Amino acid sequence: MKTKTEMLPEYDFSKGVRGKYAEAYHKGVNVIKLDDDVSSVFSDAKSVNEALRTMIKLIAQNRPNLGMN
């Protein structure tokens, strides 16, 4: 197993744009680390958000003051 971090010749950043996402990042980034067992079921952000919205709706049925904006 290779443990040394290095740039490989096939990496090409010649068309990269420095700071492309910097403004969006400074406006606010919300990154959440999913545990392995959860990420094995929810493979992308869309599926996680759909599941959470469903859970919010179910909770809101019992707690009227909790609502989705």
N, C-alpha and C. Protein backbone atom coordinates (compact mmCIF):
# COMPACT_ATOMS: atom_id res chain seq x y z
N MET A 1 0.84 -1.18 0.00
CA MET A 1 0.00 0.00 0.00
C MET A 1 0.89 1.24 0.00
N LYS A 2 0.55 2.17 -0.87
CA LYS A 2 1.31 3.41 -0.98
C LYS A 2 0.80 4.41 0.06
N THR A 3 1.66 4.88 0.92
CA THR A 3 1.25 5.81 1.96
C THR A 3 1.77 7.22 1.71
N LYS A 4 2.74 7.38 0.83
CA LYS A 4 3.32 8.69 0.56
C LYS A 4 2.37 9.48 -0.35
N THR A 5 2.04 10.70 0.05
CA THR A 5 1.19 11.56 -0.75
C THR A 5 2.05 12.32 -1.75
N GLU A 6 1.70 12.21 -3.02
CA GLU A 6 2.45 12.93 -4.04
C GLU A 6 1.56 13.16 -5.25
N MET A 7 1.95 14.13 -6.05
CA MET A 7 1.25 14.41 -7.28
C MET A 7 1.73 13.43 -8.34
N LEU A 8 0.82 12.80 -9.01
CA LEU A 8 1.16 11.87 -10.06
C LEU A 8 1.17 12.59 -11.41
N PRO A 9 1.95 12.10 -12.36
CA PRO A 9 2.05 12.76 -13.67
C PRO A 9 0.70 12.90 -14.39
N GLU A 10 -0.23 11.98 -14.15
CA GLU A 10 -1.51 12.06 -14.84
C GLU A 10 -2.46 13.12 -14.29
N TYR A 11 -2.13 13.73 -13.16
CA TYR A 11 -2.96 14.81 -12.63
C TYR A 11 -2.72 16.06 -13.46
N ASP A 12 -3.79 16.64 -13.99
CA ASP A 12 -3.66 17.83 -14.83
C ASP A 12 -4.57 18.92 -14.30
N PHE A 13 -3.99 19.89 -13.68
CA PHE A 13 -4.75 21.02 -13.14
C PHE A 13 -4.56 22.28 -13.97
N SER A 14 -4.07 22.12 -15.20
CA SER A 14 -3.75 23.27 -16.04
C SER A 14 -4.99 24.10 -16.38
N LYS A 15 -6.17 23.51 -16.34
CA LYS A 15 -7.39 24.26 -16.64
C LYS A 15 -8.20 24.55 -15.38
N GLY A 16 -7.58 24.33 -14.24
CA GLY A 16 -8.24 24.59 -12.97
C GLY A 16 -8.42 26.07 -12.72
N VAL A 17 -9.42 26.40 -11.92
CA VAL A 17 -9.69 27.80 -11.58
C VAL A 17 -9.51 27.96 -10.09
N ARG A 18 -8.53 28.76 -9.71
CA ARG A 18 -8.25 28.97 -8.29
C ARG A 18 -9.39 29.76 -7.65
N GLY A 19 -9.88 29.27 -6.52
CA GLY A 19 -10.91 29.98 -5.75
C GLY A 19 -12.30 29.92 -6.36
N LYS A 20 -12.54 28.96 -7.24
CA LYS A 20 -13.82 28.87 -7.94
C LYS A 20 -15.01 28.80 -6.98
N TYR A 21 -14.86 28.12 -5.88
CA TYR A 21 -15.96 27.95 -4.93
C TYR A 21 -15.75 28.74 -3.64
N ALA A 22 -14.77 29.60 -3.60
CA ALA A 22 -14.44 30.32 -2.37
C ALA A 22 -15.59 31.17 -1.86
N GLU A 23 -16.26 31.90 -2.75
CA GLU A 23 -17.36 32.77 -2.32
C GLU A 23 -18.50 31.96 -1.72
N ALA A 24 -18.88 30.87 -2.38
CA ALA A 24 -19.95 30.02 -1.87
C ALA A 24 -19.55 29.42 -0.52
N TYR A 25 -18.30 29.04 -0.39
CA TYR A 25 -17.81 28.46 0.87
C TYR A 25 -17.93 29.47 2.00
N HIS A 26 -17.56 30.72 1.73
CA HIS A 26 -17.61 31.73 2.78
C HIS A 26 -19.05 32.12 3.15
N LYS A 27 -19.99 31.89 2.24
CA LYS A 27 -21.40 32.16 2.55
C LYS A 27 -21.95 31.14 3.52
N GLY A 28 -21.34 29.99 3.56
CA GLY A 28 -21.78 28.97 4.50
C GLY A 28 -21.74 27.58 3.88
N VAL A 29 -21.03 26.73 4.52
CA VAL A 29 -20.93 25.35 4.08
C VAL A 29 -21.38 24.48 5.24
N ASN A 30 -22.20 23.50 4.91
CA ASN A 30 -22.69 22.61 5.93
C ASN A 30 -22.34 21.18 5.51
N VAL A 31 -21.22 20.71 5.98
CA VAL A 31 -20.76 19.37 5.63
C VAL A 31 -21.01 18.46 6.82
N ILE A 32 -21.63 17.35 6.54
CA ILE A 32 -21.95 16.39 7.59
C ILE A 32 -21.34 15.05 7.22
N LYS A 33 -20.59 14.47 8.13
CA LYS A 33 -19.96 13.17 7.91
C LYS A 33 -20.95 12.10 8.32
N LEU A 34 -21.27 11.23 7.37
CA LEU A 34 -22.17 10.11 7.67
C LEU A 34 -21.34 8.91 8.11
N ASP A 35 -21.84 8.19 9.09
CA ASP A 35 -21.18 6.95 9.48
C ASP A 35 -21.26 5.96 8.33
N ASP A 36 -20.35 5.00 8.32
CA ASP A 36 -20.26 4.04 7.21
C ASP A 36 -21.56 3.28 6.99
N ASP A 37 -22.23 2.88 8.07
CA ASP A 37 -23.46 2.11 7.90
C ASP A 37 -24.56 2.96 7.28
N VAL A 38 -24.58 4.25 7.57
CA VAL A 38 -25.58 5.14 6.99
C VAL A 38 -25.24 5.44 5.54
N SER A 39 -23.98 5.73 5.25
CA SER A 39 -23.61 6.07 3.88
C SER A 39 -23.74 4.89 2.94
N SER A 40 -23.75 3.67 3.48
CA SER A 40 -23.95 2.51 2.61
C SER A 40 -25.40 2.43 2.13
N VAL A 41 -26.32 3.07 2.84
CA VAL A 41 -27.73 3.08 2.44
C VAL A 41 -28.04 4.34 1.64
N PHE A 42 -27.51 5.47 2.06
CA PHE A 42 -27.75 6.74 1.40
C PHE A 42 -26.47 7.16 0.67
N SER A 43 -26.47 6.93 -0.61
CA SER A 43 -25.23 7.12 -1.37
C SER A 43 -25.02 8.53 -1.89
N ASP A 44 -26.04 9.39 -1.79
CA ASP A 44 -25.87 10.76 -2.28
C ASP A 44 -26.70 11.73 -1.45
N ALA A 45 -26.45 13.01 -1.66
CA ALA A 45 -27.12 14.05 -0.88
C ALA A 45 -28.63 14.03 -1.10
N LYS A 46 -29.06 13.76 -2.33
CA LYS A 46 -30.49 13.77 -2.63
C LYS A 46 -31.24 12.74 -1.79
N SER A 47 -30.71 11.53 -1.68
CA SER A 47 -31.40 10.49 -0.91
C SER A 47 -31.41 10.80 0.58
N VAL A 48 -30.35 11.39 1.08
CA VAL A 48 -30.31 11.79 2.50
C VAL A 48 -31.34 12.87 2.76
N ASN A 49 -31.38 13.89 1.89
CA ASN A 49 -32.33 14.98 2.08
C ASN A 49 -33.77 14.51 1.99
N GLU A 50 -34.07 13.60 1.06
CA GLU A 50 -35.43 13.07 0.96
C GLU A 50 -35.82 12.32 2.23
N ALA A 51 -34.91 11.52 2.76
CA ALA A 51 -35.20 10.78 4.00
C ALA A 51 -35.41 11.73 5.17
N LEU A 52 -34.58 12.74 5.27
CA LEU A 52 -34.72 13.70 6.37
C LEU A 52 -36.00 14.51 6.25
N ARG A 53 -36.38 14.90 5.04
CA ARG A 53 -37.63 15.65 4.86
C ARG A 53 -38.84 14.79 5.23
N THR A 54 -38.78 13.51 4.91
CA THR A 54 -39.85 12.59 5.30
C THR A 54 -39.93 12.50 6.82
N MET A 55 -38.78 12.39 7.47
CA MET A 55 -38.76 12.32 8.93
C MET A 55 -39.30 13.61 9.54
N ILE A 56 -38.94 14.75 8.97
CA ILE A 56 -39.43 16.04 9.48
C ILE A 56 -40.95 16.10 9.37
N LYS A 57 -41.50 15.65 8.25
CA LYS A 57 -42.96 15.66 8.08
C LYS A 57 -43.65 14.77 9.10
N LEU A 58 -43.06 13.60 9.36
CA LEU A 58 -43.64 12.70 10.35
C LEU A 58 -43.59 13.31 11.75
N ILE A 59 -42.49 13.93 12.09
CA ILE A 59 -42.38 14.57 13.41
C ILE A 59 -43.36 15.74 13.51
N ALA A 60 -43.48 16.50 12.41
CA ALA A 60 -44.36 17.68 12.42
C ALA A 60 -45.82 17.30 12.64
N GLN A 61 -46.20 16.10 12.25
CA GLN A 61 -47.58 15.65 12.49
C GLN A 61 -47.88 15.59 13.97
N ASN A 62 -46.88 15.31 14.78
CA ASN A 62 -47.07 15.22 16.23
C ASN A 62 -46.65 16.49 16.96
N ARG A 63 -45.92 17.34 16.26
CA ARG A 63 -45.46 18.61 16.85
C ARG A 63 -45.75 19.72 15.87
N PRO A 64 -46.94 20.31 15.94
CA PRO A 64 -47.37 21.33 14.96
C PRO A 64 -46.44 22.55 14.87
N ASN A 65 -45.70 22.85 15.94
CA ASN A 65 -44.84 24.03 15.91
C ASN A 65 -43.54 23.76 15.13
N LEU A 66 -43.31 22.53 14.73
CA LEU A 66 -42.15 22.19 13.91
C LEU A 66 -42.63 22.14 12.46
N GLY A 67 -42.15 23.04 11.67
CA GLY A 67 -42.60 23.06 10.28
C GLY A 67 -41.44 23.23 9.34
N MET A 68 -41.69 22.90 8.09
CA MET A 68 -40.68 23.07 7.06
C MET A 68 -40.90 24.43 6.41
N ASN A 69 -39.81 25.09 6.16
CA ASN A 69 -39.90 26.40 5.48
C ASN A 69 -39.99 26.22 3.99
